[in-house]
Amino acid sequence: MNRRSSLENFDVWLKRKLKRPAFRKAYEEERAKVALAQKIAELRHESRLNQAEFAEKLHVSQQYVSRLETGREKNLTIDTLVHIAATLGHDVRISFPRSVPKSLIHFTVV
C-alpha cells in the first residue's frame, strides 16, 4: 500500500470516527493542544532560542519546555501561557468563537 492510499484510508477512518460526539470532543481538545504547542515552538524558533535558553528565561527545566512543545504538559494555566507569551515578546488572546463549530476554544498568541 502506498503512502497516498494510506492517508486516504486514514481520512475515511477519521471522518467516520468524528461522527461520534465523544470522539469528536476528544479529537478537538487534542487538536487545540497540539496547535498551541506548535505555536509556542514556532515563536521560540523565531526568537532564535533553543529549548535550554528558553527554559532559563522561563525559570523552568528544558524538559518542561519539551513537554510544552509536544503538547504533553498537563498543567498549563492561563498565567503560564501569559508568562510564556511575554517572555517571547507577545500577548495572548483567548476567544470562544460561535461560528467555528470545529473548535471548542481558539487560542491566539500575538
C-alpha atoms as a PDB file:
ATOM      1  CA  MET A   1       0.000   0.000   0.000  1.00  0.00           C
ATOM      2  CA  ASN A   2       1.462   3.363  -0.932  1.00  0.00           C
ATOM      3  CA  ARG A   3       1.547   6.400   1.302  1.00  0.00           C
ATOM      4  CA  ARG A   4      -1.236   8.211  -0.560  1.00  0.00           C
ATOM      5  CA  SER A   5      -3.720   5.384  -0.176  1.00  0.00           C
ATOM      6  CA  SER A   6      -2.741   5.023   3.486  1.00  0.00           C
ATOM      7  CA  LEU A   7      -3.572   8.699   4.022  1.00  0.00           C
ATOM      8  CA  GLU A   8      -6.834   8.318   2.119  1.00  0.00           C
ATOM      9  CA  ASN A   9      -7.734   5.328   4.296  1.00  0.00           C
ATOM     10  CA  PHE A  10      -6.914   7.369   7.381  1.00  0.00           C
ATOM     11  CA  ASP A  11      -9.107  10.240   6.176  1.00  0.00           C
ATOM     12  CA  VAL A  12     -12.022   7.852   5.667  1.00  0.00           C
ATOM     13  CA  TRP A  13     -11.456   6.319   9.106  1.00  0.00           C
ATOM     14  CA  LEU A  14     -11.203   9.752  10.758  1.00  0.00           C
ATOM     15  CA  LYS A  15     -14.365  11.061   9.104  1.00  0.00           C
ATOM     16  CA  ARG A  16     -16.236   8.008  10.343  1.00  0.00           C
ATOM     17  CA  LYS A  17     -14.860   8.365  13.897  1.00  0.00           C
ATOM     18  CA  LEU A  18     -15.603  12.110  14.030  1.00  0.00           C
ATOM     19  CA  LYS A  19     -19.310  11.332  13.728  1.00  0.00           C
ATOM     20  CA  ARG A  20     -19.164  10.056  17.311  1.00  0.00           C
ATOM     21  CA  PRO A  21     -19.609  13.053  19.698  1.00  0.00           C
ATOM     22  CA  ALA A  22     -17.268  11.721  22.389  1.00  0.00           C
ATOM     23  CA  PHE A  23     -14.502  11.047  19.869  1.00  0.00           C
ATOM     24  CA  ARG A  24     -15.032  14.436  18.187  1.00  0.00           C
ATOM     25  CA  LYS A  25     -14.783  16.230  21.532  1.00  0.00           C
ATOM     26  CA  ALA A  26     -11.540  14.455  22.489  1.00  0.00           C
ATOM     27  CA  TYR A  27     -10.117  14.993  19.000  1.00  0.00           C
ATOM     28  CA  GLU A  28     -10.869  18.734  19.029  1.00  0.00           C
ATOM     29  CA  GLU A  29      -9.393  19.165  22.503  1.00  0.00           C
ATOM     30  CA  GLU A  30      -6.217  17.382  21.450  1.00  0.00           C
ATOM     31  CA  ARG A  31      -6.075  19.367  18.210  1.00  0.00           C
ATOM     32  CA  ALA A  32      -6.224  22.629  20.194  1.00  0.00           C
ATOM     33  CA  LYS A  33      -3.392  21.445  22.479  1.00  0.00           C
ATOM     34  CA  VAL A  34      -1.214  20.470  19.527  1.00  0.00           C
ATOM     35  CA  ALA A  35      -1.862  23.774  17.738  1.00  0.00           C
ATOM     36  CA  LEU A  36      -0.878  25.698  20.867  1.00  0.00           C
ATOM     37  CA  ALA A  37       2.243  23.562  21.345  1.00  0.00           C
ATOM     38  CA  GLN A  38       3.268  24.155  17.725  1.00  0.00           C
ATOM     39  CA  LYS A  39       2.751  27.905  18.101  1.00  0.00           C
ATOM     40  CA  ILE A  40       4.938  28.034  21.213  1.00  0.00           C
ATOM     41  CA  ALA A  41       7.710  26.136  19.407  1.00  0.00           C
ATOM     42  CA  GLU A  42       7.359  28.367  16.336  1.00  0.00           C
ATOM     43  CA  LEU A  43       7.648  31.553  18.406  1.00  0.00           C
ATOM     44  CA  ARG A  44      10.648  30.170  20.287  1.00  0.00           C
ATOM     45  CA  HIS A  45      12.368  29.406  16.971  1.00  0.00           C
ATOM     46  CA  GLU A  46      11.558  32.907  15.688  1.00  0.00           C
ATOM     47  CA  SER A  47      13.200  34.277  18.836  1.00  0.00           C
ATOM     48  CA  ARG A  48      16.301  32.235  17.984  1.00  0.00           C
ATOM     49  CA  LEU A  49      16.244  30.419  21.308  1.00  0.00           C
ATOM     50  CA  ASN A  50      16.935  26.756  21.866  1.00  0.00           C
ATOM     51  CA  GLN A  51      14.874  24.899  24.444  1.00  0.00           C
ATOM     52  CA  ALA A  52      17.515  25.270  27.166  1.00  0.00           C
ATOM     53  CA  GLU A  53      17.798  29.047  26.654  1.00  0.00           C
ATOM     54  CA  PHE A  54      14.013  29.418  26.621  1.00  0.00           C
ATOM     55  CA  ALA A  55      13.732  27.316  29.779  1.00  0.00           C
ATOM     56  CA  GLU A  56      16.262  29.531  31.524  1.00  0.00           C
ATOM     57  CA  LYS A  57      14.251  32.651  30.639  1.00  0.00           C
ATOM     58  CA  LEU A  58      11.071  30.984  31.922  1.00  0.00           C
ATOM     59  CA  HIS A  59      12.813  29.655  35.062  1.00  0.00           C
ATOM     60  CA  VAL A  60      11.774  26.090  34.232  1.00  0.00           C
ATOM     61  CA  SER A  61      13.571  22.957  33.062  1.00  0.00           C
ATOM     62  CA  GLN A  62      14.332  22.139  29.436  1.00  0.00           C
ATOM     63  CA  GLN A  63      12.184  19.039  29.896  1.00  0.00           C
ATOM     64  CA  TYR A  64       9.214  21.259  30.776  1.00  0.00           C
ATOM     65  CA  VAL A  65       9.719  23.243  27.558  1.00  0.00           C
ATOM     66  CA  SER A  66       9.868  19.978  25.638  1.00  0.00           C
ATOM     67  CA  ARG A  67       6.566  18.879  27.180  1.00  0.00           C
ATOM     68  CA  LEU A  68       5.043  22.268  26.285  1.00  0.00           C
ATOM     69  CA  GLU A  69       6.150  21.987  22.673  1.00  0.00           C
ATOM     70  CA  THR A  70       4.891  18.449  22.237  1.00  0.00           C
ATOM     71  CA  GLY A  71       1.530  19.076  23.894  1.00  0.00           C
ATOM     72  CA  ARG A  72       2.320  16.667  26.739  1.00  0.00           C
ATOM     73  CA  GLU A  73       2.278  19.273  29.528  1.00  0.00           C
ATOM     74  CA  LYS A  74      -0.873  18.648  31.552  1.00  0.00           C
ATOM     75  CA  ASN A  75      -0.733  21.612  33.952  1.00  0.00           C
ATOM     76  CA  LEU A  76      -0.773  24.595  31.594  1.00  0.00           C
ATOM     77  CA  THR A  77      -2.563  27.568  33.146  1.00  0.00           C
ATOM     78  CA  ILE A  78      -3.555  30.890  31.626  1.00  0.00           C
ATOM     79  CA  ASP A  79      -0.959  32.573  33.846  1.00  0.00           C
ATOM     80  CA  THR A  80       1.699  30.262  32.425  1.00  0.00           C
ATOM     81  CA  LEU A  81       0.574  30.992  28.854  1.00  0.00           C
ATOM     82  CA  VAL A  82       0.748  34.733  29.535  1.00  0.00           C
ATOM     83  CA  HIS A  83       4.240  34.321  31.015  1.00  0.00           C
ATOM     84  CA  ILE A  84       5.399  32.262  28.005  1.00  0.00           C
ATOM     85  CA  ALA A  85       3.989  34.800  25.552  1.00  0.00           C
ATOM     86  CA  ALA A  86       5.512  37.757  27.426  1.00  0.00           C
ATOM     87  CA  THR A  87       8.892  36.030  27.511  1.00  0.00           C
ATOM     88  CA  LEU A  88       8.672  35.715  23.722  1.00  0.00           C
ATOM     89  CA  GLY A  89       7.502  39.331  23.302  1.00  0.00           C
ATOM     90  CA  HIS A  90       3.866  38.504  22.560  1.00  0.00           C
ATOM     91  CA  ASP A  91       0.397  38.787  24.097  1.00  0.00           C
ATOM     92  CA  VAL A  92      -2.280  36.105  24.488  1.00  0.00           C
ATOM     93  CA  ARG A  93      -5.832  36.380  23.227  1.00  0.00           C
ATOM     94  CA  ILE A  94      -8.422  33.739  24.056  1.00  0.00           C
ATOM     95  CA  SER A  95     -11.742  33.677  22.279  1.00  0.00           C
ATOM     96  CA  PHE A  96     -14.747  31.409  22.111  1.00  0.00           C
ATOM     97  CA  PRO A  97     -15.914  31.737  18.515  1.00  0.00           C
ATOM     98  CA  ARG A  98     -19.507  30.776  17.862  1.00  0.00           C
ATOM     99  CA  SER A  99     -19.086  30.461  14.112  1.00  0.00           C
ATOM    100  CA  VAL A 100     -16.366  27.791  14.165  1.00  0.00           C
ATOM    101  CA  PRO A 101     -18.016  24.532  15.276  1.00  0.00           C
ATOM    102  CA  LYS A 102     -14.804  22.521  14.818  1.00  0.00           C
ATOM    103  CA  SER A 103     -13.018  24.253  17.644  1.00  0.00           C
ATOM    104  CA  LEU A 104     -14.026  24.465  21.277  1.00  0.00           C
ATOM    105  CA  ILE A 105     -11.594  27.261  22.172  1.00  0.00           C
ATOM    106  CA  HIS A 106      -9.440  29.376  19.913  1.00  0.00           C
ATOM    107  CA  PHE A 107      -6.038  30.486  21.221  1.00  0.00           C
ATOM    108  CA  THR A 108      -4.095  33.219  19.549  1.00  0.00           C
ATOM    109  CA  VAL A 109      -0.616  34.273  20.568  1.00  0.00           C
ATOM    110  CA  VAL A 110       0.156  37.686  19.097  1.00  0.00           C
END
